[in-house]
Amino acid sequence: MSALTVDELDPATLRGLVARAGDPKRERWLEQVRRTGACRHPVRLRGVVLRGDERVYATADEPDGALMVRCGNRREACCPSCAHEYRGDMWQLVYAGMAGGRKGVPETVAEHPQVFASLTAPSFGAAHNRPDDGRPCRCGQHHDADDPELGAAIDPAMYDYEGAVLWNWHAPALWNRFTIELARVLAAQAGLSEREWRKRVRVAFAKAAEFQARGLVHFHAIIRLDGAEDRATAPGVAVSPEELCDAIRQAAGRARLDGDAGDGKTIEICFGEQLHTRVLAGAEDGRELSPGQVAAYVAKYSCKASHEQITTRDSDPDRWCDCGIPEQLVQMAAAALRFSERSGLRELGRWVHMLGFRGHFVTSHAATPRPSANTTVVLSVWEYIGSGYLNPGDALLAAGVEASLRVAREALLDLRCGLP
């Protein structure tokens, strides 16, 4: 934050600064700001915490009679602080699921078969890209990594924007179908019925959805096989990591569904031909792909996506081009709006800003730990007051705290991503 003189401050900001400077609880207010990581839009709550009959906390004692908590927005464009926290939590979650030894995950899971898989959407038309093998794009050019044309349709008139939106819309259901098919393929490989196989093996996964430049989501998933009753035990059927890779490829090819296209019509939804599987190392043992690398990759992209340029649900796609939003995304958003007028797809209108994708960005499926029998009943009663800071002066002070935390925050993220 650049330094400002008093003359450059507007009256509302100046009044807010003076009021906070004279607040006898200003240090506690600053402590709250720091505890939220200088969140851009903190949620303000009023309430009490009771342990048994004893009141152990009340917001009546706080500055402005409120407790500030993080907004929790994972999108970096909306709140860098909460996005940083989200990335760190994501790193810990993904790393623990692969290497174990933290977050209540036993170290024994590192020896279980586990694979990092990427499943993509099919093609809905030729788009500008950068082939991995160094070949030029289908348009005949070699695009730079930051070329704004990347992801855009080469021929917009021939691109199936509506099919792309419907794929996003049905992608969560397609993933569920994939997990069903994976169990069936693995059971067939073992010569068992699906029921018998499920009595011996449990599929655990952590999945992250990432938007590609073309506006379609694809899934990155760490898929691990555990014992059916206890994730600390090895699967009851011997499956090599290479066999798991093969099963993932087969299951992805078999996963299909008839998706609702509105007005009584359907469309076949399936994964694209581009599917990557890589065996994961159980620990940092020098292999090409380690838990730390995968966790860093998933954490990084969990807060970034092409759709981030569409930030509100009420924006008019006709005006988005004037705001610098790529034509590819504008056309997909417009297609989503058209679908929302069809019977059976009315709800799609709520997800225009997500280009039709309505799933969670990160999901996991694993054994749930049992609660302890020795618990203390704690009752918390909270009331939402509002979000954001009370005045421009408070917002300016919080921005100063954010600036002071930013360097340390980025250094900590690098440290987390490099942890063994």
Protein backbone atom coordinates (compact mmCIF):
# COMPACT_ATOMS: atom_id res chain seq x y z
CA MET A 1 0.00 0.00 0.00
CA SER A 2 1.48 3.32 -1.05
CA ALA A 3 1.73 6.11 1.49
CA LEU A 4 -1.06 8.71 1.44
CA THR A 5 -1.15 12.21 2.85
CA VAL A 6 -4.08 13.50 4.88
CA ASP A 7 -5.05 15.82 2.04
CA GLU A 8 -5.45 12.83 -0.30
CA LEU A 9 -7.93 11.04 1.97
CA ASP A 10 -11.65 11.45 1.39
CA PRO A 11 -13.72 12.60 4.40
CA ALA A 12 -15.27 9.19 5.07
CA THR A 13 -11.88 7.47 5.17
CA LEU A 14 -10.43 10.18 7.38
CA ARG A 15 -13.34 9.94 9.82
CA GLY A 16 -12.90 6.18 10.01
CA LEU A 17 -9.18 6.48 10.70
CA VAL A 18 -9.72 9.05 13.44
CA ALA A 19 -12.48 6.97 15.05
CA ARG A 20 -10.34 3.84 15.09
CA ALA A 21 -7.32 5.73 16.44
CA GLY A 22 -9.43 6.91 19.35
CA ASP A 23 -10.97 3.49 20.00
CA PRO A 24 -9.66 2.10 23.32
CA LYS A 25 -10.02 -1.40 21.83
CA ARG A 26 -8.08 -0.60 18.64
CA GLU A 27 -5.29 -3.07 19.47
CA ARG A 28 -7.81 -5.86 19.85
CA TRP A 29 -9.39 -4.76 16.55
CA LEU A 30 -6.00 -4.98 14.82
CA GLU A 31 -5.46 -8.38 16.41
CA GLN A 32 -8.74 -9.55 14.87
CA VAL A 33 -7.63 -8.22 11.48
CA ARG A 34 -4.34 -10.09 11.76
CA ARG A 35 -6.10 -13.29 12.89
CA THR A 36 -8.19 -13.21 9.72
CA GLY A 37 -5.02 -12.68 7.68
CA ALA A 38 -6.32 -9.22 6.72
CA CYS A 39 -9.26 -10.81 4.91
CA ARG A 40 -10.72 -8.47 2.28
CA HIS A 41 -14.34 -9.12 3.26
CA PRO A 42 -14.45 -10.42 6.85
CA VAL A 43 -17.73 -11.77 8.16
CA ARG A 44 -18.88 -10.00 11.33
CA LEU A 45 -20.67 -12.13 13.91
CA ARG A 46 -22.42 -11.50 17.21
CA GLY A 47 -22.77 -14.32 19.74
CA VAL A 48 -21.73 -16.26 22.80
CA VAL A 49 -19.97 -19.54 23.58
CA LEU A 50 -21.18 -21.62 26.53
CA ARG A 51 -19.41 -24.58 28.11
CA GLY A 52 -22.03 -26.23 30.22
CA ASP A 53 -23.58 -23.40 32.24
CA GLU A 54 -20.51 -21.20 31.99
CA ARG A 55 -20.21 -18.39 29.48
CA VAL A 56 -16.65 -18.54 28.18
CA TYR A 57 -16.87 -15.96 25.40
CA ALA A 58 -19.12 -13.13 24.26
CA THR A 59 -18.74 -10.68 21.41
CA ALA A 60 -20.13 -7.94 23.64
CA ASP A 61 -16.56 -7.52 24.90
CA GLU A 62 -15.12 -7.14 21.39
CA PRO A 63 -14.52 -3.93 19.40
CA ASP A 64 -17.78 -2.87 17.74
CA GLY A 65 -19.47 -5.75 19.58
CA ALA A 66 -18.51 -8.22 16.85
CA LEU A 67 -16.10 -11.01 16.03
CA MET A 68 -14.49 -10.91 12.60
CA VAL A 69 -13.85 -14.23 10.83
CA ARG A 70 -12.50 -15.03 7.40
CA CYS A 71 -14.83 -14.80 4.42
CA GLY A 72 -13.39 -18.14 3.29
CA ASN A 73 -13.47 -17.28 -0.41
CA ARG A 74 -11.00 -19.58 -2.19
CA ARG A 75 -10.80 -17.28 -5.25
CA GLU A 76 -7.59 -15.32 -5.21
CA ALA A 77 -9.14 -12.51 -7.23
CA CYS A 78 -11.67 -11.93 -4.42
CA CYS A 79 -9.54 -12.44 -1.30
CA PRO A 80 -5.80 -13.18 -1.53
CA SER A 81 -5.58 -13.91 2.18
CA CYS A 82 -8.31 -16.56 2.27
CA ALA A 83 -7.03 -18.03 -0.99
CA HIS A 84 -3.61 -18.42 0.61
CA GLU A 85 -5.17 -20.18 3.59
CA TYR A 86 -7.16 -22.41 1.27
CA ARG A 87 -4.03 -23.34 -0.69
CA GLY A 88 -2.18 -24.22 2.49
CA ASP A 89 -5.03 -26.37 3.76
CA MET A 90 -5.28 -28.05 0.37
CA TRP A 91 -1.57 -28.85 0.40
CA GLN A 92 -1.87 -30.44 3.83
CA LEU A 93 -4.96 -32.44 2.86
CA VAL A 94 -3.51 -33.81 -0.38
CA TYR A 95 -0.07 -34.53 1.07
CA ALA A 96 -1.53 -36.34 4.09
CA GLY A 97 -3.68 -38.49 1.84
CA MET A 98 -0.63 -39.69 -0.10
CA ALA A 99 2.19 -39.85 2.43
CA GLY A 100 0.28 -40.18 5.71
CA GLY A 101 1.75 -39.30 9.07
CA ARG A 102 -0.38 -36.18 9.62
CA LYS A 103 -3.97 -35.00 9.85
CA GLY A 104 -4.94 -38.32 11.43
CA VAL A 105 -3.89 -40.30 8.34
CA PRO A 106 -1.65 -43.27 9.22
CA GLU A 107 1.74 -43.61 7.56
CA THR A 108 0.78 -47.05 6.26
CA VAL A 109 -1.33 -45.50 3.48
CA ALA A 110 1.90 -44.55 1.69
CA GLU A 111 2.34 -48.22 0.78
CA HIS A 112 -1.12 -48.58 -0.74
CA PRO A 113 -1.60 -48.47 -4.54
CA GLN A 114 -2.13 -44.83 -5.48
CA VAL A 115 -2.25 -42.97 -8.77
CA PHE A 116 -2.47 -39.34 -9.86
CA ALA A 117 -4.99 -39.15 -12.70
CA SER A 118 -6.18 -36.28 -14.89
CA LEU A 119 -9.48 -36.67 -16.72
CA THR A 120 -10.52 -34.09 -19.29
CA ALA A 121 -13.54 -33.06 -21.29
CA PRO A 122 -13.89 -34.05 -24.95
CA SER A 123 -13.38 -31.60 -27.78
CA PHE A 124 -16.25 -29.31 -28.71
CA GLY A 125 -14.32 -27.71 -31.53
CA ALA A 126 -10.79 -26.72 -32.43
CA ALA A 127 -9.26 -24.26 -29.94
CA HIS A 128 -5.94 -22.42 -29.84
CA ASN A 129 -3.43 -24.42 -27.78
CA ARG A 130 0.24 -25.23 -27.22
CA PRO A 131 0.89 -28.93 -27.97
CA ASP A 132 3.32 -30.55 -25.55
CA ASP A 133 5.40 -32.03 -28.35
CA GLY A 134 6.35 -28.62 -29.76
CA ARG A 135 4.09 -28.79 -32.80
CA PRO A 136 2.31 -25.60 -33.84
CA CYS A 137 -1.32 -24.98 -32.95
CA ARG A 138 -3.93 -26.14 -35.45
CA CYS A 139 -4.12 -22.51 -36.53
CA GLY A 140 -0.54 -22.89 -37.77
CA GLN A 141 1.11 -20.66 -35.17
CA HIS A 142 3.23 -21.27 -32.08
CA HIS A 143 1.50 -19.51 -29.18
CA ASP A 144 3.35 -18.06 -26.21
CA ALA A 145 2.31 -19.24 -22.75
CA ASP A 146 0.61 -15.91 -22.02
CA ASP A 147 -1.09 -15.55 -25.42
CA PRO A 148 -4.68 -14.37 -24.75
CA GLU A 149 -5.87 -16.46 -27.72
CA LEU A 150 -5.13 -19.71 -25.88
CA GLY A 151 -8.36 -21.62 -25.22
CA ALA A 152 -10.40 -19.58 -27.71
CA ALA A 153 -12.20 -21.30 -30.56
CA ILE A 154 -10.31 -21.20 -33.85
CA ASP A 155 -13.63 -21.04 -35.68
CA PRO A 156 -16.32 -19.69 -33.30
CA ALA A 157 -19.07 -20.42 -35.83
CA MET A 158 -18.27 -24.16 -35.66
CA TYR A 159 -17.61 -24.42 -31.91
CA ASP A 160 -20.22 -26.24 -29.79
CA TYR A 161 -20.55 -23.80 -26.89
CA GLU A 162 -23.83 -25.38 -25.76
CA GLY A 163 -22.28 -28.85 -25.64
CA ALA A 164 -19.40 -27.45 -23.59
CA VAL A 165 -21.77 -25.89 -21.04
CA LEU A 166 -23.79 -29.10 -20.75
CA TRP A 167 -20.59 -31.04 -20.15
CA ASN A 168 -19.68 -28.70 -17.28
CA TRP A 169 -23.21 -29.05 -15.91
CA HIS A 170 -23.14 -32.85 -15.88
CA ALA A 171 -19.45 -33.28 -15.02
CA PRO A 172 -20.08 -34.06 -11.30
CA ALA A 173 -22.51 -36.84 -12.26
CA LEU A 174 -20.02 -38.16 -14.81
CA TRP A 175 -17.35 -38.36 -12.11
CA ASN A 176 -19.73 -40.36 -9.91
CA ARG A 177 -20.34 -42.72 -12.83
CA PHE A 178 -16.58 -43.07 -13.25
CA THR A 179 -16.11 -44.16 -9.62
CA ILE A 180 -18.80 -46.82 -10.08
CA GLU A 181 -17.17 -48.10 -13.24
CA LEU A 182 -13.75 -48.13 -11.55
CA ALA A 183 -15.00 -50.50 -8.85
CA ARG A 184 -16.54 -52.74 -11.52
CA VAL A 185 -13.36 -52.85 -13.59
CA LEU A 186 -11.19 -53.63 -10.55
CA ALA A 187 -13.62 -56.35 -9.44
CA ALA A 188 -13.52 -57.94 -12.89
CA GLN A 189 -9.71 -57.82 -12.88
CA ALA A 190 -9.74 -59.75 -9.58
CA GLY A 191 -12.33 -62.27 -10.82
CA LEU A 192 -14.81 -61.19 -8.11
CA SER A 193 -18.34 -59.90 -8.10
CA GLU A 194 -18.64 -56.20 -7.39
CA ARG A 195 -20.25 -56.93 -4.02
CA GLU A 196 -17.45 -59.26 -2.96
CA TRP A 197 -14.80 -56.81 -4.13
CA ARG A 198 -16.35 -53.95 -2.13
CA LYS A 199 -16.18 -56.11 1.01
CA ARG A 200 -12.40 -56.17 0.61
CA VAL A 201 -11.41 -52.87 -0.98
CA ARG A 202 -12.38 -49.24 -0.57
CA VAL A 203 -11.56 -46.59 -3.18
CA ALA A 204 -10.36 -43.37 -1.53
CA PHE A 205 -9.78 -40.24 -3.55
CA ALA A 206 -9.15 -36.52 -3.36
CA LYS A 207 -10.36 -34.71 -6.46
CA ALA A 208 -9.79 -31.14 -7.61
CA ALA A 209 -11.65 -29.50 -10.49
CA GLU A 210 -9.67 -27.03 -12.58
CA PHE A 211 -10.96 -24.74 -15.32
CA GLN A 212 -9.03 -24.86 -18.55
CA ALA A 213 -8.53 -21.78 -20.71
CA ARG A 214 -11.28 -23.05 -23.02
CA GLY A 215 -13.77 -22.76 -20.15
CA LEU A 216 -14.18 -26.48 -19.46
CA VAL A 217 -13.37 -28.17 -16.18
CA HIS A 218 -11.09 -31.16 -15.90
CA PHE A 219 -10.40 -33.29 -12.87
CA HIS A 220 -7.13 -34.03 -11.11
CA ALA A 221 -7.52 -36.91 -8.68
CA ILE A 222 -5.33 -38.85 -6.30
CA ILE A 223 -6.90 -42.31 -6.25
CA ARG A 224 -5.85 -44.78 -3.54
CA LEU A 225 -6.98 -48.28 -2.60
CA ASP A 226 -7.50 -49.13 1.09
CA GLY A 227 -8.96 -51.94 3.13
CA ALA A 228 -12.75 -51.91 3.13
CA GLU A 229 -13.15 -51.35 6.88
CA ASP A 230 -10.02 -49.42 7.85
CA ARG A 231 -8.03 -47.03 5.68
CA ALA A 232 -4.88 -47.89 7.64
CA THR A 233 -4.96 -51.43 6.25
CA ALA A 234 -3.91 -52.51 2.78
CA PRO A 235 -6.64 -53.43 0.27
CA GLY A 236 -7.91 -56.98 0.65
CA VAL A 237 -7.18 -57.66 -3.02
CA ALA A 238 -3.67 -57.36 -4.42
CA VAL A 239 -3.63 -54.57 -7.01
CA SER A 240 -0.42 -53.11 -8.40
CA PRO A 241 -0.21 -49.36 -9.15
CA GLU A 242 0.13 -50.22 -12.84
CA GLU A 243 -3.05 -52.32 -12.70
CA LEU A 244 -4.81 -49.40 -11.02
CA CYS A 245 -3.67 -47.12 -13.85
CA ASP A 246 -5.09 -49.54 -16.40
CA ALA A 247 -8.38 -49.79 -14.49
CA ILE A 248 -8.68 -45.98 -14.37
CA ARG A 249 -8.24 -45.77 -18.13
CA GLN A 250 -10.85 -48.47 -18.73
CA ALA A 251 -13.32 -46.94 -16.30
CA ALA A 252 -12.96 -43.47 -17.82
CA GLY A 253 -13.66 -44.92 -21.27
CA ARG A 254 -16.76 -46.72 -20.01
CA ALA A 255 -18.18 -43.84 -17.95
CA ARG A 256 -21.07 -42.37 -19.91
CA LEU A 257 -24.47 -40.93 -19.14
CA ASP A 258 -27.43 -39.36 -20.90
CA GLY A 259 -27.44 -35.80 -19.64
CA ASP A 260 -30.54 -33.62 -19.58
CA ALA A 261 -30.32 -31.01 -22.36
CA GLY A 262 -33.62 -29.37 -21.45
CA ASP A 263 -37.06 -29.50 -23.07
CA GLY A 264 -37.02 -33.31 -22.98
CA LYS A 265 -33.78 -33.66 -24.94
CA THR A 266 -30.65 -35.52 -23.84
CA ILE A 267 -26.96 -35.46 -24.74
CA GLU A 268 -24.35 -38.15 -24.21
CA ILE A 269 -21.75 -37.06 -21.64
CA CYS A 270 -18.35 -38.75 -21.57
CA PHE A 271 -14.70 -37.98 -20.88
CA GLY A 272 -12.29 -36.88 -23.58
CA GLU A 273 -9.47 -38.93 -25.06
CA GLN A 274 -6.79 -37.06 -23.13
CA LEU A 275 -6.33 -39.00 -19.89
CA HIS A 276 -3.11 -39.12 -17.90
CA THR A 277 -2.21 -41.53 -15.10
CA ARG A 278 1.02 -41.51 -13.13
CA VAL A 279 2.05 -43.80 -10.28
CA LEU A 280 2.73 -41.90 -7.08
CA ALA A 281 5.73 -42.43 -4.87
CA GLY A 282 4.85 -43.41 -1.33
CA ALA A 283 7.34 -40.91 0.07
CA GLU A 284 10.01 -38.45 -1.02
CA ASP A 285 12.23 -41.21 -2.34
CA GLY A 286 13.59 -39.55 -5.44
CA ARG A 287 10.92 -40.73 -7.85
CA GLU A 288 9.74 -38.39 -10.57
CA LEU A 289 6.35 -37.63 -8.99
CA SER A 290 6.29 -37.22 -5.21
CA PRO A 291 3.48 -36.38 -2.77
CA GLY A 292 4.91 -32.91 -2.20
CA GLN A 293 4.92 -32.11 -5.92
CA VAL A 294 1.36 -33.32 -6.46
CA ALA A 295 0.11 -31.46 -3.38
CA ALA A 296 1.78 -28.26 -4.57
CA TYR A 297 0.23 -28.61 -8.03
CA VAL A 298 -3.29 -29.20 -6.75
CA ALA A 299 -2.97 -26.44 -4.13
CA LYS A 300 -1.76 -23.90 -6.69
CA TYR A 301 -4.60 -24.44 -9.12
CA SER A 302 -7.32 -24.80 -6.50
CA CYS A 303 -7.53 -21.00 -6.34
CA LYS A 304 -7.08 -20.11 -10.01
CA ALA A 305 -9.36 -20.65 -13.00
CA SER A 306 -10.34 -19.08 -16.29
CA HIS A 307 -13.86 -18.40 -15.04
CA GLU A 308 -12.52 -16.07 -12.34
CA GLN A 309 -12.96 -13.17 -14.74
CA ILE A 310 -16.71 -13.64 -14.37
CA THR A 311 -17.15 -12.56 -10.79
CA THR A 312 -20.87 -11.93 -10.32
CA ARG A 313 -24.02 -13.83 -11.12
CA ASP A 314 -25.98 -10.78 -12.25
CA SER A 315 -23.59 -9.48 -14.91
CA ASP A 316 -24.84 -9.20 -18.47
CA PRO A 317 -22.74 -11.28 -20.91
CA ASP A 318 -23.37 -8.67 -23.59
CA ARG A 319 -21.25 -6.24 -21.56
CA TRP A 320 -18.52 -8.69 -20.54
CA CYS A 321 -16.52 -8.25 -23.73
CA ASP A 322 -16.19 -4.55 -22.94
CA CYS A 323 -14.73 -5.57 -19.55
CA GLY A 324 -11.95 -7.57 -21.17
CA ILE A 325 -13.46 -11.02 -20.61
CA PRO A 326 -12.42 -13.43 -23.40
CA GLU A 327 -15.00 -14.13 -26.09
CA GLN A 328 -14.78 -17.87 -25.38
CA LEU A 329 -16.08 -17.41 -21.86
CA VAL A 330 -18.70 -14.87 -22.92
CA GLN A 331 -20.12 -17.30 -25.47
CA MET A 332 -20.28 -20.11 -22.92
CA ALA A 333 -21.99 -17.85 -20.38
CA ALA A 334 -24.51 -16.78 -23.02
CA ALA A 335 -25.17 -20.46 -23.82
CA ALA A 336 -25.73 -21.15 -20.12
CA LEU A 337 -28.30 -18.35 -19.97
CA ARG A 338 -30.13 -19.81 -22.96
CA PHE A 339 -30.29 -23.21 -21.29
CA SER A 340 -31.70 -21.67 -18.12
CA GLU A 341 -34.85 -20.85 -20.10
CA ARG A 342 -35.47 -24.53 -20.91
CA SER A 343 -37.58 -26.81 -18.76
CA GLY A 344 -35.40 -29.10 -16.72
CA LEU A 345 -32.45 -26.69 -16.70
CA ARG A 346 -33.89 -23.68 -14.89
CA GLU A 347 -31.31 -24.04 -12.12
CA LEU A 348 -28.47 -23.61 -14.58
CA GLY A 349 -29.10 -19.87 -14.51
CA ARG A 350 -27.63 -19.78 -10.98
CA TRP A 351 -24.34 -21.13 -12.34
CA VAL A 352 -23.74 -18.86 -15.31
CA HIS A 353 -20.75 -17.33 -13.53
CA MET A 354 -19.28 -20.87 -13.34
CA LEU A 355 -20.00 -21.59 -17.01
CA GLY A 356 -22.45 -24.28 -15.94
CA PHE A 357 -20.20 -26.13 -13.48
CA ARG A 358 -22.05 -26.72 -10.21
CA GLY A 359 -19.74 -29.16 -8.46
CA HIS A 360 -17.37 -28.65 -5.56
CA PHE A 361 -13.84 -27.70 -6.53
CA VAL A 362 -12.36 -30.14 -4.06
CA THR A 363 -13.99 -33.36 -2.88
CA SER A 364 -12.67 -36.36 -1.03
CA HIS A 365 -13.93 -39.81 -0.18
CA ALA A 366 -12.29 -41.66 2.68
CA ALA A 367 -13.04 -43.39 5.94
CA THR A 368 -14.54 -41.16 8.61
CA PRO A 369 -12.88 -41.27 12.05
CA ARG A 370 -15.08 -42.24 14.95
CA PRO A 371 -15.84 -39.53 17.53
CA SER A 372 -14.40 -39.81 21.00
CA ALA A 373 -16.73 -41.00 23.76
CA ASN A 374 -15.34 -38.42 26.20
CA THR A 375 -16.70 -35.09 24.96
CA THR A 376 -17.55 -31.76 26.55
CA VAL A 377 -20.76 -30.14 25.37
CA VAL A 378 -20.04 -26.68 23.97
CA LEU A 379 -22.89 -24.52 22.76
CA SER A 380 -22.18 -21.66 20.37
CA VAL A 381 -24.88 -19.22 19.32
CA TRP A 382 -24.00 -16.87 16.46
CA GLU A 383 -25.83 -14.17 14.59
CA TYR A 384 -24.66 -12.76 11.27
CA ILE A 385 -24.26 -8.98 11.38
CA GLY A 386 -22.67 -8.23 8.04
CA SER A 387 -19.55 -8.57 5.92
CA GLY A 388 -16.72 -6.23 5.09
CA TYR A 389 -15.32 -3.39 7.15
CA LEU A 390 -17.50 -0.75 8.78
CA ASN A 391 -15.98 2.19 6.93
CA PRO A 392 -13.27 3.09 4.38
CA GLY A 393 -10.88 3.98 7.17
CA ASP A 394 -11.01 0.48 8.62
CA ALA A 395 -10.59 -0.96 5.13
CA LEU A 396 -7.48 1.19 4.59
CA LEU A 397 -5.95 0.07 7.88
CA ALA A 398 -6.67 -3.57 7.01
CA ALA A 399 -5.03 -3.08 3.61
CA GLY A 400 -1.89 -1.93 5.41
CA VAL A 401 -1.93 -5.08 7.52
CA GLU A 402 -2.41 -7.17 4.38
CA ALA A 403 0.58 -5.54 2.71
CA SER A 404 2.77 -6.33 5.72
CA LEU A 405 1.64 -9.96 5.74
CA ARG A 406 1.92 -10.58 2.01
CA VAL A 407 5.65 -11.29 1.79
CA ALA A 408 5.57 -13.65 4.77
CA ARG A 409 2.46 -15.33 3.37
CA GLU A 410 4.07 -16.05 0.00
CA ALA A 411 7.25 -17.31 1.65
CA LEU A 412 5.21 -19.66 3.84
CA LEU A 413 3.39 -21.04 0.81
CA ASP A 414 6.68 -21.82 -0.91
CA LEU A 415 7.87 -23.52 2.27
CA ARG A 416 4.72 -25.63 2.51
CA CYS A 417 4.99 -26.73 -1.11
CA GLY A 418 8.58 -27.78 -0.58
CA LEU A 419 8.09 -29.74 2.64
CA PRO A 420 9.11 -33.41 2.54
